[in-house]
N, C-alpha and C. Protein backbone atom coordinates (compact mmCIF):
# COMPACT_ATOMS: atom_id res chain seq x y z
N UNK A 1 0.94 -7.56 10.40
CA UNK A 1 2.42 -7.61 9.88
C UNK A 1 3.32 -6.78 10.40
N UNK A 2 4.86 -6.98 10.97
CA UNK A 2 5.49 -5.94 11.44
C UNK A 2 6.30 -5.62 10.23
N UNK A 3 6.37 -4.00 10.11
CA UNK A 3 7.17 -3.69 9.04
C UNK A 3 8.53 -3.44 9.56
N UNK A 4 9.37 -3.60 8.36
CA UNK A 4 10.93 -3.12 8.82
C UNK A 4 11.33 -2.04 8.06
N UNK A 5 12.34 -1.25 8.77
CA UNK A 5 12.68 0.16 8.44
C UNK A 5 13.67 -0.43 7.02
N UNK A 6 13.71 0.68 6.29
CA UNK A 6 14.35 0.40 4.96
C UNK A 6 13.63 -0.76 3.98
N UNK A 7 12.65 -0.99 4.27
CA UNK A 7 12.04 -1.98 3.53
C UNK A 7 11.04 -1.41 2.70
N UNK A 8 10.35 -2.11 1.49
CA UNK A 8 9.33 -1.35 0.80
C UNK A 8 8.02 -2.33 0.84
N UNK A 9 6.97 -1.47 0.74
CA UNK A 9 5.62 -2.30 1.10
C UNK A 9 4.52 -1.79 0.03
N UNK A 10 3.76 -2.59 -0.40
CA UNK A 10 2.62 -2.16 -1.17
C UNK A 10 1.38 -2.29 -0.18
N UNK A 11 0.54 -1.05 -0.17
CA UNK A 11 -0.36 -0.97 0.78
C UNK A 11 -1.78 -0.60 0.10
N UNK A 12 -2.49 -1.10 0.47
CA UNK A 12 -3.87 -1.10 -0.31
C UNK A 12 -5.04 -1.11 0.65
N UNK A 13 -6.03 -0.22 0.18
CA UNK A 13 -7.35 -0.31 1.06
C UNK A 13 -8.68 0.18 0.15
N UNK A 14 -9.59 -0.10 0.31
CA UNK A 14 -10.83 0.25 -0.25
C UNK A 14 -11.92 0.77 0.48
N UNK A 15 -13.16 1.64 -0.19
CA UNK A 15 -14.10 2.02 0.72
C UNK A 15 -14.73 0.82 1.28
N UNK A 16 -15.53 1.20 2.62
CA UNK A 16 -16.37 0.04 3.12
C UNK A 16 -17.35 -0.54 2.07
N UNK A 17 -17.80 -1.46 2.00
CA UNK A 17 -18.77 -2.06 1.18
C UNK A 17 -18.55 -1.54 -0.18
N UNK A 18 -17.16 -1.26 -0.70
CA UNK A 18 -16.76 -0.75 -1.88
C UNK A 18 -17.49 0.48 -2.23
N UNK A 19 -17.83 1.14 -1.38
CA UNK A 19 -18.29 2.70 -1.75
C UNK A 19 -17.39 3.56 -1.93
N UNK A 20 -17.68 4.77 -2.83
CA UNK A 20 -16.45 5.43 -3.45
C UNK A 20 -16.08 6.49 -1.95
N UNK A 21 -14.85 6.80 -2.07
CA UNK A 21 -14.10 7.30 -0.99
C UNK A 21 -13.36 8.56 -1.70
N UNK A 22 -13.73 8.99 -2.69
CA UNK A 22 -13.69 10.09 -3.62
C UNK A 22 -14.74 10.41 -4.45
N UNK A 23 -15.33 11.31 -4.10
CA UNK A 23 -16.52 12.15 -4.90
C UNK A 23 -16.02 12.83 -6.25
N UNK A 24 -15.08 13.84 -5.99
CA UNK A 24 -14.98 14.89 -7.17
C UNK A 24 -13.29 15.19 -6.79
N UNK A 25 -12.97 16.09 -7.55
CA UNK A 25 -11.49 16.69 -7.58
C UNK A 25 -11.13 17.05 -6.20
N UNK A 26 -12.16 17.85 -5.45
CA UNK A 26 -11.55 18.42 -4.15
C UNK A 26 -11.20 17.07 -3.08
N UNK A 27 -12.03 16.08 -3.46
CA UNK A 27 -11.94 14.92 -2.33
C UNK A 27 -10.04 14.50 -2.59
N UNK A 28 -10.26 14.14 -4.13
CA UNK A 28 -8.68 13.64 -4.52
C UNK A 28 -7.61 14.60 -4.08
N UNK A 29 -8.00 15.89 -3.85
CA UNK A 29 -6.70 16.78 -3.83
C UNK A 29 -6.67 17.03 -2.24
N UNK A 30 -7.74 16.93 -1.68
CA UNK A 30 -7.61 16.65 -0.06
C UNK A 30 -6.68 15.20 0.57
N UNK A 31 -7.19 14.41 -0.08
CA UNK A 31 -6.32 13.10 0.27
C UNK A 31 -4.90 13.27 -0.01
N UNK A 32 -4.64 13.87 -1.25
CA UNK A 32 -3.18 13.98 -1.38
C UNK A 32 -2.65 14.95 -0.56
N UNK A 33 -3.10 15.94 -0.61
CA UNK A 33 -2.50 16.71 0.56
C UNK A 33 -2.31 16.36 2.06
N UNK A 34 -3.34 15.22 2.40
CA UNK A 34 -3.37 14.74 3.82
C UNK A 34 -2.19 13.68 3.78
N UNK A 35 -2.04 12.84 3.05
CA UNK A 35 -0.80 11.86 3.02
C UNK A 35 0.38 12.51 2.61
N UNK A 36 0.54 13.57 1.91
CA UNK A 36 1.65 14.47 1.87
C UNK A 36 2.09 15.05 3.32
N UNK A 37 1.27 15.48 3.95
CA UNK A 37 1.47 16.22 5.06
C UNK A 37 1.98 15.30 6.21
N UNK A 38 1.23 14.05 6.30
CA UNK A 38 1.63 12.99 7.55
C UNK A 38 2.51 12.03 7.20
N UNK A 39 3.19 12.31 6.05
CA UNK A 39 4.34 11.57 5.91
C UNK A 39 5.59 12.00 6.87
N UNK A 40 5.43 13.02 7.42
CA UNK A 40 6.60 13.74 8.19
C UNK A 40 6.21 13.21 9.72
N UNK A 41 7.36 13.14 10.35
CA UNK A 41 7.69 12.56 11.71
C UNK A 41 6.83 13.81 12.59
N UNK A 42 7.34 14.87 12.70
CA UNK A 42 6.89 16.15 13.48
C UNK A 42 6.77 17.32 12.83
N UNK A 43 5.20 17.21 11.99
CA UNK A 43 5.08 18.47 11.41
C UNK A 43 4.75 19.65 12.25
N UNK A 44 5.31 21.05 11.83
CA UNK A 44 5.42 22.20 13.00
C UNK A 44 4.23 22.62 13.02
N UNK A 45 3.22 22.34 12.38
CA UNK A 45 1.62 22.87 12.60
C UNK A 45 0.68 21.72 12.11
N UNK A 46 -0.38 21.66 12.92
CA UNK A 46 -1.45 20.85 12.41
C UNK A 46 -2.29 21.14 11.18
N UNK A 47 -2.47 19.96 10.62
CA UNK A 47 -2.98 20.44 9.11
C UNK A 47 -4.22 21.29 9.23
N UNK A 48 -4.94 21.20 10.49
CA UNK A 48 -6.24 21.88 10.14
C UNK A 48 -5.65 23.52 10.34
N UNK A 49 -4.61 23.97 10.96
CA UNK A 49 -3.97 25.06 10.79
C UNK A 49 -3.11 25.47 9.49
N UNK A 50 -2.86 24.56 9.16
CA UNK A 50 -2.13 24.85 7.96
C UNK A 50 -3.07 25.23 6.88
N UNK A 51 -4.00 24.60 6.74
CA UNK A 51 -5.22 24.72 5.84
C UNK A 51 -5.83 26.38 5.47
N UNK A 52 -5.45 26.90 7.29
CA UNK A 52 -6.30 28.01 7.21
C UNK A 52 -5.48 29.11 6.78
N UNK A 53 -4.00 28.97 6.44
CA UNK A 53 -2.99 29.76 6.04
C UNK A 53 -3.03 30.34 4.47
N UNK A 54 -2.76 31.45 4.14
CA UNK A 54 -2.81 31.56 2.51
C UNK A 54 -2.01 30.63 1.91
N UNK A 55 -2.32 30.47 0.55
CA UNK A 55 -1.68 29.68 -0.05
C UNK A 55 0.03 29.90 0.10
N UNK A 56 0.47 31.02 -0.58
CA UNK A 56 1.98 30.98 -0.47
C UNK A 56 2.82 30.49 1.13
N UNK A 57 1.95 31.00 2.17
CA UNK A 57 2.69 30.52 3.54
C UNK A 57 2.53 28.83 3.49
N UNK A 58 1.38 28.60 3.05
CA UNK A 58 1.35 27.05 3.02
C UNK A 58 2.30 26.23 2.37
N UNK A 59 2.55 26.79 1.20
CA UNK A 59 3.65 26.26 0.41
C UNK A 59 5.14 26.23 1.01
N UNK A 60 5.08 27.54 1.65
CA UNK A 60 6.60 27.49 2.36
C UNK A 60 6.86 26.75 3.31
N UNK A 61 5.80 26.42 3.82
CA UNK A 61 5.71 25.42 5.19
C UNK A 61 6.23 24.00 4.85
N UNK A 62 5.27 23.55 3.70
CA UNK A 62 5.31 22.36 3.15
C UNK A 62 6.81 22.29 2.50
N UNK A 63 7.38 23.07 1.63
CA UNK A 63 8.69 23.03 1.22
C UNK A 63 9.79 22.90 2.24
N UNK A 64 9.60 23.67 3.48
CA UNK A 64 10.61 23.63 4.39
C UNK A 64 10.33 22.24 5.12
N UNK A 65 9.16 21.85 5.21
CA UNK A 65 9.11 20.50 5.99
C UNK A 65 9.96 19.36 5.03
N UNK A 66 9.94 19.47 3.76
CA UNK A 66 10.13 18.58 2.59
C UNK A 66 11.49 18.62 2.73
N UNK A 67 12.42 19.80 3.23
CA UNK A 67 13.95 19.64 3.06
C UNK A 67 14.46 19.65 4.34
N UNK A 68 13.65 19.62 5.34
CA UNK A 68 14.12 19.64 6.87
C UNK A 68 13.65 18.54 7.90
N UNK A 69 12.70 18.38 7.65
CA UNK A 69 11.93 17.53 8.29
C UNK A 69 11.89 16.02 8.29
N UNK A 70 12.30 14.98 9.12
CA UNK A 70 12.28 13.84 9.37
C UNK A 70 11.11 12.99 8.87
N UNK A 71 11.04 11.97 8.11
CA UNK A 71 10.08 11.35 7.39
C UNK A 71 9.77 10.02 7.99
N UNK A 72 8.48 9.71 8.31
CA UNK A 72 7.93 8.45 8.59
C UNK A 72 8.22 7.47 7.56
N UNK A 73 8.01 7.87 6.49
CA UNK A 73 7.96 6.70 5.28
C UNK A 73 8.55 7.60 3.99
N UNK A 74 8.85 6.95 3.13
CA UNK A 74 9.06 7.64 1.70
C UNK A 74 7.90 6.93 0.41
N UNK A 75 7.15 8.04 0.04
CA UNK A 75 6.09 7.58 -0.89
C UNK A 75 6.91 7.39 -2.24
N UNK A 76 6.80 6.14 -2.85
CA UNK A 76 7.54 5.76 -3.83
C UNK A 76 6.48 5.99 -5.19
N UNK A 77 5.14 5.31 -4.86
CA UNK A 77 4.37 5.63 -6.19
C UNK A 77 2.90 5.64 -5.55
N UNK A 78 2.02 6.09 -6.16
CA UNK A 78 0.60 5.98 -5.51
C UNK A 78 -0.38 5.93 -7.01
N UNK A 79 -1.44 5.63 -6.54
CA UNK A 79 -2.87 5.73 -7.39
C UNK A 79 -4.11 5.74 -6.58
N UNK A 80 -4.74 6.74 -7.03
CA UNK A 80 -6.23 6.76 -6.17
C UNK A 80 -7.26 6.49 -7.50
N UNK A 81 -7.90 5.53 -7.01
CA UNK A 81 -9.36 5.36 -7.79
C UNK A 81 -10.62 6.06 -7.07
N UNK A 82 -11.73 5.78 -7.65
CA UNK A 82 -12.95 6.30 -6.70
C UNK A 82 -13.35 5.33 -5.76
N UNK A 83 -13.31 4.05 -5.65
CA UNK A 83 -13.34 3.45 -4.41
C UNK A 83 -12.16 2.93 -3.62
N UNK A 84 -10.83 3.04 -4.06
CA UNK A 84 -9.59 2.39 -3.67
C UNK A 84 -8.48 3.26 -3.80
N UNK A 85 -7.47 2.85 -3.04
CA UNK A 85 -6.17 3.55 -3.57
C UNK A 85 -5.03 2.29 -3.20
N UNK A 86 -3.73 2.88 -4.03
CA UNK A 86 -2.65 1.98 -3.57
C UNK A 86 -1.56 2.76 -3.54
N UNK A 87 -0.56 2.35 -2.75
CA UNK A 87 0.61 3.34 -2.55
C UNK A 87 1.77 1.95 -2.35
N UNK A 88 3.06 2.82 -2.91
CA UNK A 88 4.01 1.82 -2.60
C UNK A 88 4.84 2.71 -1.62
N UNK A 89 5.36 1.92 -0.57
CA UNK A 89 5.95 3.00 0.63
C UNK A 89 7.27 2.05 0.90
N UNK A 90 8.21 2.99 1.70
CA UNK A 90 9.42 2.40 2.43
C UNK A 90 9.22 3.10 3.70
N UNK A 91 9.36 2.31 4.71
CA UNK A 91 9.32 2.62 5.96
C UNK A 91 10.89 3.03 6.49
N UNK A 92 10.69 4.34 7.25
CA UNK A 92 12.05 4.85 7.64
C UNK A 92 12.24 4.86 9.17
N UNK A 93 11.12 4.97 9.72
CA UNK A 93 11.12 4.95 11.17
C UNK A 93 10.16 3.90 11.68
N UNK A 94 10.68 3.20 13.12
CA UNK A 94 9.78 2.27 13.51
C UNK A 94 8.51 2.66 13.65
N UNK A 95 7.63 1.71 13.16
CA UNK A 95 6.12 1.59 13.01
C UNK A 95 5.57 3.16 12.12
N UNK A 96 6.46 3.52 11.19
CA UNK A 96 6.56 4.54 10.40
C UNK A 96 5.15 4.27 9.36
N UNK A 97 5.02 3.26 9.02
CA UNK A 97 3.99 3.03 8.06
C UNK A 97 2.40 2.95 8.63
N UNK A 98 2.41 2.55 9.93
CA UNK A 98 1.42 2.30 10.71
C UNK A 98 0.87 3.61 11.12
N UNK A 99 1.64 4.40 11.60
CA UNK A 99 1.60 5.87 12.47
C UNK A 99 0.94 6.64 10.92
N UNK A 100 1.64 6.67 9.73
CA UNK A 100 1.27 7.44 8.81
C UNK A 100 0.03 7.23 8.10
N UNK A 101 -0.27 5.75 7.90
CA UNK A 101 -1.66 5.22 7.60
C UNK A 101 -2.75 6.07 8.40
N UNK A 102 -2.44 5.46 9.87
CA UNK A 102 -3.51 5.91 10.81
C UNK A 102 -4.12 7.34 10.57
N UNK A 103 -2.93 8.38 10.65
CA UNK A 103 -3.17 9.64 10.73
C UNK A 103 -3.90 10.16 9.66
N UNK A 104 -3.46 9.58 8.51
CA UNK A 104 -3.78 10.13 6.91
C UNK A 104 -5.21 9.71 6.78
N UNK A 105 -5.75 8.49 7.15
CA UNK A 105 -6.89 7.98 6.90
C UNK A 105 -7.94 8.48 7.79
N UNK A 106 -7.61 8.42 9.04
CA UNK A 106 -8.25 9.40 9.94
C UNK A 106 -8.75 10.65 9.90
N UNK A 107 -7.48 11.31 9.23
CA UNK A 107 -8.11 12.99 9.13
C UNK A 107 -8.90 12.87 7.97
N UNK A 108 -8.54 12.29 6.94
CA UNK A 108 -9.22 12.22 5.49
C UNK A 108 -10.79 11.92 5.61
N UNK A 109 -11.05 10.93 6.64
CA UNK A 109 -12.47 10.28 7.13
C UNK A 109 -13.32 11.23 7.54
N UNK A 110 -12.47 11.98 8.75
CA UNK A 110 -13.07 13.34 9.05
C UNK A 110 -13.53 14.39 8.25
N UNK A 111 -12.71 14.67 7.56
CA UNK A 111 -12.82 15.70 6.18
C UNK A 111 -14.14 15.02 5.17
N UNK A 112 -14.02 13.62 4.94
CA UNK A 112 -15.17 13.48 4.06
C UNK A 112 -16.43 13.42 4.53
N UNK A 113 -16.44 12.85 5.70
CA UNK A 113 -17.50 12.73 6.54
C UNK A 113 -18.40 13.91 6.89
N UNK A 114 -17.38 15.01 7.09
CA UNK A 114 -18.13 16.40 7.13
C UNK A 114 -18.78 17.02 5.91
N UNK A 115 -17.82 16.82 4.97
CA UNK A 115 -18.11 17.59 3.85
C UNK A 115 -19.36 16.77 3.22
N UNK A 116 -19.37 15.30 2.91
CA UNK A 116 -20.56 14.64 2.59
C UNK A 116 -21.75 14.44 3.44
N UNK A 117 -21.56 14.92 4.57
CA UNK A 117 -22.81 14.76 5.82
C UNK A 117 -23.09 13.14 5.72
N UNK A 118 -21.99 12.38 6.28
CA UNK A 118 -21.97 11.15 6.36
C UNK A 118 -21.40 10.96 7.81
N UNK A 119 -21.57 9.58 8.19
CA UNK A 119 -20.97 9.21 9.69
C UNK A 119 -20.47 7.78 9.37
N UNK A 120 -19.70 7.41 10.29
CA UNK A 120 -19.09 6.19 10.49
C UNK A 120 -17.76 5.81 9.50
N UNK A 121 -17.49 4.72 9.68
CA UNK A 121 -16.19 4.38 8.75
C UNK A 121 -16.08 4.52 7.38
N UNK A 122 -15.15 5.11 6.81
CA UNK A 122 -14.96 5.35 5.39
C UNK A 122 -14.36 4.08 4.65
N UNK A 123 -13.31 3.70 5.58
CA UNK A 123 -12.34 2.41 4.96
C UNK A 123 -12.55 1.06 5.34
N UNK A 124 -12.31 0.34 4.43
CA UNK A 124 -12.82 -1.31 4.57
C UNK A 124 -11.75 -1.88 5.56
N UNK A 125 -11.96 -1.69 6.97
CA UNK A 125 -10.95 -2.27 8.15
C UNK A 125 -9.79 -1.73 7.87
N UNK A 126 -8.82 -2.67 8.22
CA UNK A 126 -7.47 -2.23 8.58
C UNK A 126 -6.69 -2.43 6.95
N UNK A 127 -6.23 -1.56 6.65
CA UNK A 127 -5.16 -1.62 5.30
C UNK A 127 -4.36 -3.08 5.06
N UNK A 128 -4.51 -3.36 3.71
CA UNK A 128 -3.64 -4.56 3.45
C UNK A 128 -2.10 -4.11 3.11
N UNK A 129 -1.26 -4.98 3.51
CA UNK A 129 0.14 -4.93 2.94
C UNK A 129 0.77 -6.15 2.62
N UNK A 130 1.83 -5.70 1.76
CA UNK A 130 2.77 -6.89 1.25
C UNK A 130 3.91 -6.58 1.02
N UNK A 131 4.82 -7.07 1.67
CA UNK A 131 6.27 -6.88 1.54
C UNK A 131 6.82 -7.12 0.31
N UNK A 132 7.42 -6.14 -0.07
CA UNK A 132 8.27 -6.47 -1.73
C UNK A 132 9.97 -6.64 -1.47
N UNK A 133 10.10 -7.74 -1.99
CA UNK A 133 11.44 -8.40 -1.52
C UNK A 133 12.32 -8.32 -2.18
N UNK A 134 12.22 -8.11 -3.73
CA UNK A 134 13.17 -7.97 -4.80
C UNK A 134 13.17 -6.70 -5.51
N UNK A 135 14.07 -6.29 -6.10
CA UNK A 135 13.96 -4.99 -6.87
C UNK A 135 13.00 -5.37 -8.27
N UNK A 136 13.07 -6.67 -8.70
CA UNK A 136 11.93 -6.96 -9.90
C UNK A 136 10.64 -6.79 -9.54
N UNK A 137 10.45 -7.17 -8.30
CA UNK A 137 9.03 -6.69 -7.72
C UNK A 137 8.99 -5.34 -8.01
N UNK A 138 9.91 -4.79 -7.19
CA UNK A 138 9.62 -3.37 -6.91
C UNK A 138 9.19 -2.62 -8.27
N UNK A 139 9.72 -2.83 -9.27
CA UNK A 139 9.52 -2.26 -10.44
C UNK A 139 8.01 -2.57 -11.12
N UNK A 140 7.78 -3.86 -10.99
CA UNK A 140 6.57 -4.52 -11.73
C UNK A 140 5.57 -4.10 -10.81
N UNK A 141 5.66 -3.78 -9.62
CA UNK A 141 4.74 -3.17 -8.57
C UNK A 141 4.50 -1.67 -9.21
N UNK A 142 5.34 -0.90 -9.43
CA UNK A 142 5.35 0.16 -9.64
C UNK A 142 4.30 0.46 -10.73
N UNK A 143 4.79 -0.49 -12.01
CA UNK A 143 3.59 -0.45 -12.99
C UNK A 143 2.53 -0.97 -12.91
N UNK A 144 2.42 -1.92 -11.89
CA UNK A 144 1.12 -2.39 -11.74
C UNK A 144 0.09 -1.03 -11.12
N UNK A 145 0.93 -0.34 -10.10
CA UNK A 145 0.24 0.83 -9.45
C UNK A 145 -0.42 1.74 -10.28
N UNK A 146 0.73 2.04 -11.51
CA UNK A 146 0.37 3.12 -12.44
C UNK A 146 -0.64 2.50 -13.52
N UNK A 147 -0.68 1.38 -13.94
CA UNK A 147 -1.71 0.94 -14.49
C UNK A 147 -2.86 0.31 -14.05
N UNK A 148 -3.12 0.45 -12.89
CA UNK A 148 -4.39 0.25 -12.20
C UNK A 148 -5.71 1.19 -12.32
N UNK A 149 -5.55 2.31 -12.81
CA UNK A 149 -6.82 3.18 -13.18
C UNK A 149 -7.36 2.25 -14.83
N UNK A 150 -6.32 1.76 -15.51
CA UNK A 150 -6.79 1.10 -16.69
C UNK A 150 -7.29 -0.34 -16.23
N UNK A 151 -6.54 -0.80 -15.53
CA UNK A 151 -6.70 -2.30 -15.17
C UNK A 151 -7.96 -2.37 -14.65
N UNK A 152 -8.43 -1.46 -13.77
CA UNK A 152 -9.58 -1.28 -12.97
C UNK A 152 -11.12 -0.86 -13.83
N UNK A 153 -10.57 -0.62 -15.01
CA UNK A 153 -11.49 -0.17 -16.13
C UNK A 153 -12.23 1.31 -15.54
N UNK A 154 -11.62 2.10 -15.18
CA UNK A 154 -11.89 3.51 -14.46
C UNK A 154 -11.63 4.43 -15.75
N UNK A 155 -10.59 4.24 -16.66
CA UNK A 155 -10.35 5.08 -17.66
C UNK A 155 -9.76 4.01 -18.83
N UNK A 156 -10.09 4.74 -20.06
CA UNK A 156 -9.45 4.01 -21.27
C UNK A 156 -7.86 4.00 -21.18
N UNK A 157 -7.43 3.21 -22.15
CA UNK A 157 -6.01 3.04 -22.34
C UNK A 157 -5.20 4.27 -22.88
N UNK A 158 -6.12 5.03 -23.82
CA UNK A 158 -5.69 6.28 -24.23
C UNK A 158 -5.40 7.60 -23.29
N UNK A 159 -6.12 7.15 -22.00
CA UNK A 159 -6.33 8.50 -21.07
C UNK A 159 -5.48 8.22 -19.80
N UNK A 160 -4.54 7.19 -20.08
CA UNK A 160 -3.79 6.88 -18.93
C UNK A 160 -2.58 7.99 -18.71
N UNK A 161 -2.06 8.49 -20.09
CA UNK A 161 -1.28 9.45 -20.20
C UNK A 161 -1.43 10.95 -19.27
N UNK A 162 -2.74 11.10 -19.40
CA UNK A 162 -3.09 12.22 -18.48
C UNK A 162 -3.97 11.94 -17.14
N UNK A 163 -4.08 10.81 -16.84
CA UNK A 163 -4.51 10.61 -15.37
C UNK A 163 -3.99 11.28 -14.18
N UNK A 164 -4.87 12.31 -13.39
CA UNK A 164 -4.05 13.27 -12.82
C UNK A 164 -4.02 12.52 -11.16
N UNK A 165 -4.40 11.25 -10.97
CA UNK A 165 -4.60 11.14 -9.65
C UNK A 165 -3.56 9.98 -9.27
N UNK A 166 -2.41 9.93 -10.05
CA UNK A 166 -1.42 8.74 -9.70
C UNK A 166 -0.25 9.39 -10.03
N UNK A 167 0.76 8.80 -9.65
CA UNK A 167 2.31 9.37 -9.64
C UNK A 167 2.81 9.25 -11.13
N UNK A 168 2.06 8.56 -11.96
CA UNK A 168 2.86 8.23 -13.12
C UNK A 168 3.23 9.48 -13.95
N UNK A 169 2.74 10.74 -13.86
CA UNK A 169 3.01 12.00 -14.44
C UNK A 169 4.53 12.34 -13.87
N UNK A 170 4.61 12.05 -12.49
CA UNK A 170 5.79 12.46 -11.77
C UNK A 170 7.05 11.87 -12.49
N UNK A 171 6.87 10.50 -12.71
CA UNK A 171 7.73 9.37 -13.34
C UNK A 171 8.11 9.80 -14.78
N UNK A 172 7.30 10.53 -15.63
CA UNK A 172 7.24 10.56 -16.91
C UNK A 172 8.27 11.83 -16.90
N UNK A 173 7.87 13.05 -15.95
CA UNK A 173 8.60 13.99 -15.94
C UNK A 173 10.17 13.69 -15.36
N UNK A 174 10.26 12.73 -14.47
CA UNK A 174 11.53 12.38 -13.56
C UNK A 174 11.75 13.32 -12.46
N UNK A 175 10.74 13.99 -11.88
CA UNK A 175 10.71 14.94 -10.88
C UNK A 175 9.66 14.96 -9.96
N UNK A 176 9.76 15.24 -8.53
CA UNK A 176 8.89 15.26 -7.48
C UNK A 176 9.78 15.86 -6.19
N UNK A 177 8.67 16.71 -5.84
CA UNK A 177 9.32 17.36 -4.38
C UNK A 177 8.72 16.43 -3.28
N UNK A 178 7.62 15.68 -3.52
CA UNK A 178 7.14 14.80 -2.62
C UNK A 178 7.48 13.36 -2.61
N UNK A 179 7.60 12.80 -3.81
CA UNK A 179 7.95 11.50 -3.99
C UNK A 179 9.41 10.94 -4.16
N UNK A 180 9.74 9.86 -3.71
CA UNK A 180 11.07 9.18 -3.85
C UNK A 180 11.16 8.72 -5.15
N UNK A 181 11.68 8.85 -6.39
CA UNK A 181 11.29 8.26 -7.75
C UNK A 181 12.79 7.26 -8.23
N UNK A 182 13.86 7.92 -7.31
CA UNK A 182 15.14 7.03 -7.52
C UNK A 182 15.01 5.60 -7.44
N UNK A 183 14.40 5.16 -6.50
CA UNK A 183 14.13 3.67 -6.22
C UNK A 183 13.87 2.85 -7.35
N UNK A 184 12.86 3.46 -8.03
CA UNK A 184 12.30 2.62 -9.37
C UNK A 184 13.23 3.22 -10.72
N UNK A 185 13.39 4.63 -10.88
CA UNK A 185 13.94 5.06 -12.18
C UNK A 185 15.29 4.71 -12.14
N UNK A 186 16.25 4.45 -11.14
CA UNK A 186 17.38 4.08 -11.18
C UNK A 186 17.59 2.83 -11.82
N UNK A 187 16.70 1.90 -12.12
CA UNK A 187 16.92 0.69 -13.04
C UNK A 187 16.38 0.87 -14.32
N UNK A 188 16.17 2.05 -14.70
CA UNK A 188 15.75 2.58 -16.27
C UNK A 188 16.66 3.23 -17.02
N UNK A 189 17.46 4.11 -16.46
CA UNK A 189 18.33 5.33 -16.88
C UNK A 189 17.61 6.53 -17.31
N UNK A 190 16.36 6.45 -17.72
CA UNK A 190 15.75 7.61 -18.07
C UNK A 190 14.21 7.56 -17.96
N UNK A 191 13.49 8.85 -17.63
CA UNK A 191 11.88 8.38 -17.81
C UNK A 191 11.36 8.01 -18.78
N UNK A 192 12.30 8.34 -19.97
CA UNK A 192 11.43 7.83 -21.36
C UNK A 192 11.66 6.18 -21.38
N UNK A 193 12.80 5.78 -20.66
CA UNK A 193 12.88 4.19 -20.61
C UNK A 193 11.62 3.63 -20.00
N UNK A 194 11.33 4.32 -18.71
CA UNK A 194 10.18 3.76 -17.74
C UNK A 194 8.71 3.95 -18.59
N UNK A 195 8.60 5.01 -19.34
CA UNK A 195 7.55 5.36 -19.82
C UNK A 195 7.34 4.18 -20.71
N UNK A 196 8.22 3.54 -21.50
CA UNK A 196 8.26 2.72 -22.66
C UNK A 196 7.74 1.21 -21.51
N UNK A 197 8.43 1.07 -20.52
CA UNK A 197 8.28 0.03 -19.76
C UNK A 197 6.68 0.02 -19.16
N UNK A 198 5.97 1.12 -19.26
CA UNK A 198 4.63 1.06 -18.64
C UNK A 198 3.62 1.09 -20.11
N UNK A 199 3.99 1.78 -20.68
CA UNK A 199 2.81 2.08 -21.97
C UNK A 199 2.99 1.06 -23.13
N UNK A 200 4.24 0.25 -23.22
CA UNK A 200 4.24 -0.48 -24.11
C UNK A 200 3.46 -1.92 -23.76
N UNK A 201 2.82 -2.14 -22.51
CA UNK A 201 2.59 -3.08 -22.03
C UNK A 201 1.46 -2.97 -21.33
N UNK A 202 0.56 -1.98 -21.97
CA UNK A 202 -0.84 -1.68 -21.15
C UNK A 202 -1.82 -2.87 -20.84
N UNK A 203 -1.75 -3.75 -21.75
CA UNK A 203 -2.39 -5.00 -21.54
C UNK A 203 -1.76 -6.10 -20.54
N UNK A 204 -0.74 -5.91 -20.03
CA UNK A 204 -0.23 -6.56 -19.32
C UNK A 204 -0.67 -6.18 -17.97
N UNK A 205 -0.89 -4.80 -17.82
CA UNK A 205 -1.73 -4.58 -16.66
C UNK A 205 -2.99 -5.13 -16.36
N UNK A 206 -3.47 -5.60 -17.15
CA UNK A 206 -4.83 -6.33 -17.02
C UNK A 206 -4.38 -7.78 -16.80
N UNK A 207 -3.45 -8.51 -16.59
CA UNK A 207 -2.92 -9.83 -16.40
C UNK A 207 -2.15 -9.66 -15.20
N UNK A 208 -1.01 -9.03 -15.61
CA UNK A 208 0.00 -8.98 -14.30
C UNK A 208 0.40 -10.08 -13.52
N UNK A 209 0.85 -11.12 -14.58
CA UNK A 209 1.14 -12.37 -13.82
C UNK A 209 2.39 -12.40 -12.93
N UNK A 210 3.26 -11.55 -13.43
CA UNK A 210 4.59 -11.41 -12.55
C UNK A 210 4.48 -10.93 -11.08
N UNK A 211 3.21 -10.10 -10.94
CA UNK A 211 3.08 -9.72 -9.65
C UNK A 211 1.60 -10.22 -9.25
N UNK A 212 1.29 -11.16 -9.55
CA UNK A 212 -0.04 -11.35 -9.08
C UNK A 212 -0.06 -11.98 -7.51
N UNK A 213 0.89 -12.15 -7.28
CA UNK A 213 0.90 -12.64 -5.67
C UNK A 213 1.16 -11.34 -4.75
N UNK A 214 1.19 -10.39 -5.52
CA UNK A 214 1.74 -9.03 -4.86
C UNK A 214 0.59 -8.26 -4.60
N UNK A 215 -0.57 -8.47 -5.58
CA UNK A 215 -1.82 -7.78 -5.49
C UNK A 215 -2.87 -8.19 -4.52
N UNK A 216 -3.70 -7.23 -4.03
CA UNK A 216 -4.29 -7.45 -2.70
C UNK A 216 -6.21 -7.39 -3.07
N UNK A 217 -6.52 -7.55 -4.42
CA UNK A 217 -7.50 -7.39 -4.69
C UNK A 217 -8.28 -8.45 -4.80
C-alpha cells in the first residue's frame, strides 16, 4: 500500500503464529515508550541512550521532542492486547507510517527477544493497513479500537473503563501529550459524549457492522 500524507490508516498486526507479544506490564510499557519515541522524524538521542538517563531527564527530553520535533505520524488511538495491537494513525511525512512501524517493531522485537530469551521474528509478517476514507469511518474505527479488548474477550465489559493498555482513558480525560485526540473528539463536543458513544454500545463492539470492512482480523 502507498500511504498518503494527511490521511488516516488503521494499522494492525499480531504475534507470529498468534503467540503473545506482551507477557507482562513491563512489555506493554516498553512498547508504548517505543512507539511514542519513534513517531518523531529526528529524535535527538537514541532510544537506548534515552533509557540510560534518569527519569527526570528522560521526561524532559520527551517533552521537548513533543513540542519541537517534527513527527512522522500522529497517533490518534491505540489498543494493545496480549497477542496483537491496533493503531489509528495519520501520516505526516512521506513514508512516515512505514518508517515508524519498522523502527518501532524492530526495536521492540529486540527488547522482547533479549528479555524473554528467544530468537526470530515476533510479529506475523508485514503489518496490515486499511485507509480510512470518511469522518464516519474514523470515529467508528476509534470506537472499534477502544472496544477491542472486550470484543476479543480479553476483559469483561465492566473492566473496559480501567483497561490500561489503550488510549480510551485519554479520550475520557480529553487530554494527552502523545495522542492527537482532536480528530475524533471534535465530532462529539465533549469527552462525556464520546464516552457515551463507546459505552452505550459495548455489544456493538462485538458485531461492528459499520466498520466490518475496515477490520483486518
